[in-house]
Amino acid sequence: MCLAVPAKILSIEGPQARVEFGGVRRTISVQLLPEARVGDYVLVHTGFAISIVDPEEAEITLNLLREMGDLDPLSPDEMQPVKPRQDLS
């Protein structure tokens, strides 16, 4: 399942923006949303800003994600590649 996550735009340089959500910072594309401005909250899906969202709604969503633990950084063990399953036939 894919999820779009609200993120606050910290800076924009050309078609890319630096955003933050839950203490995590990433570079995303704003090519699909050229009207986005620094300070806006945007929904980010697969590295693209797809819509501008209300700041209060964004904070509510981010708080819910924090409560569920979905914004917690991964441990080094969780970042290891998954080993392919053995063929069971």
Protein backbone atom coordinates (compact mmCIF):
# COMPACT_ATOMS: atom_id res chain seq x y z
CA MET A 1 0.00 0.00 0.00
CA CYS A 2 1.24 3.46 -0.85
CA LEU A 3 0.74 6.46 1.35
CA ALA A 4 1.01 10.18 0.68
CA VAL A 5 2.56 11.97 3.65
CA PRO A 6 2.22 15.69 4.46
CA ALA A 7 5.51 17.55 4.51
CA LYS A 8 6.47 21.18 5.03
CA ILE A 9 8.49 22.83 2.27
CA LEU A 10 11.72 24.28 3.68
CA SER A 11 13.29 25.45 0.43
CA ILE A 12 12.74 25.28 -3.31
CA GLU A 13 15.42 25.24 -5.96
CA GLY A 14 14.17 24.81 -9.50
CA PRO A 15 12.00 21.70 -9.80
CA GLN A 16 13.10 20.34 -6.42
CA ALA A 17 12.19 21.17 -2.84
CA ARG A 18 13.64 20.27 0.52
CA VAL A 19 10.85 19.12 2.86
CA GLU A 20 10.48 17.90 6.42
CA PHE A 21 7.99 15.49 7.95
CA GLY A 22 8.33 14.14 11.47
CA GLY A 23 11.96 15.28 11.78
CA VAL A 24 12.91 13.57 8.51
CA ARG A 25 14.19 15.75 5.66
CA ARG A 26 14.05 14.75 2.03
CA THR A 27 14.43 16.27 -1.41
CA ILE A 28 11.32 15.90 -3.54
CA SER A 29 10.06 17.05 -6.92
CA VAL A 30 7.62 19.95 -7.16
CA GLN A 31 7.27 19.65 -10.95
CA LEU A 32 3.64 18.53 -10.59
CA LEU A 33 2.88 21.46 -8.27
CA PRO A 34 4.62 24.58 -9.58
CA GLU A 35 2.43 26.85 -7.40
CA ALA A 36 3.93 25.38 -4.19
CA ARG A 37 5.84 27.87 -2.04
CA VAL A 38 8.24 27.71 0.92
CA GLY A 39 6.20 27.18 4.09
CA ASP A 40 3.42 25.27 2.33
CA TYR A 41 2.45 21.80 3.45
CA VAL A 42 2.23 19.38 0.55
CA LEU A 43 1.24 15.76 0.21
CA VAL A 44 4.28 13.77 -0.92
CA HIS A 45 3.79 10.52 -2.80
CA THR A 46 6.71 8.56 -4.28
CA GLY A 47 8.96 11.63 -4.12
CA PHE A 48 6.52 14.06 -5.76
CA ALA A 49 4.45 16.85 -4.22
CA ILE A 50 0.92 16.10 -5.43
CA SER A 51 -1.21 18.71 -3.63
CA ILE A 52 -1.04 21.59 -1.18
CA VAL A 53 -2.79 20.82 2.10
CA ASP A 54 -4.13 22.85 5.00
CA PRO A 55 -1.44 23.29 7.69
CA GLU A 56 -3.79 22.23 10.51
CA GLU A 57 -4.83 19.08 8.66
CA ALA A 58 -1.18 18.30 7.91
CA GLU A 59 -0.27 18.58 11.61
CA ILE A 60 -3.20 16.35 12.61
CA THR A 61 -2.07 13.70 10.12
CA LEU A 62 1.58 13.93 11.18
CA ASN A 63 0.58 13.56 14.85
CA LEU A 64 -1.50 10.47 14.04
CA LEU A 65 1.42 8.95 12.12
CA ARG A 66 3.74 9.67 15.08
CA GLU A 67 1.30 7.96 17.44
CA MET A 68 1.27 4.89 15.18
CA GLY A 69 5.08 4.92 15.05
CA ASP A 70 5.15 5.30 11.27
CA LEU A 71 7.42 8.36 11.43
CA ASP A 72 10.03 6.74 13.65
CA PRO A 73 13.43 6.50 11.96
CA LEU A 74 14.48 2.99 10.92
CA SER A 75 17.19 1.21 12.87
CA PRO A 76 20.30 0.05 10.94
CA ASP A 77 18.96 -3.54 11.03
CA GLU A 78 15.68 -2.44 9.43
CA MET A 79 17.57 -0.77 6.57
CA GLN A 80 19.25 -4.00 5.48
CA PRO A 81 18.10 -5.43 2.15
CA VAL A 82 15.54 -8.19 2.37
CA LYS A 83 16.90 -11.59 1.35
CA PRO A 84 14.98 -13.24 -1.47
CA ARG A 85 12.92 -16.29 -0.53
CA GLN A 86 14.11 -19.72 -1.54
CA ASP A 87 12.13 -21.39 -4.30
CA LEU A 88 9.80 -23.77 -2.49
CA SER A 89 8.86 -25.94 -5.49
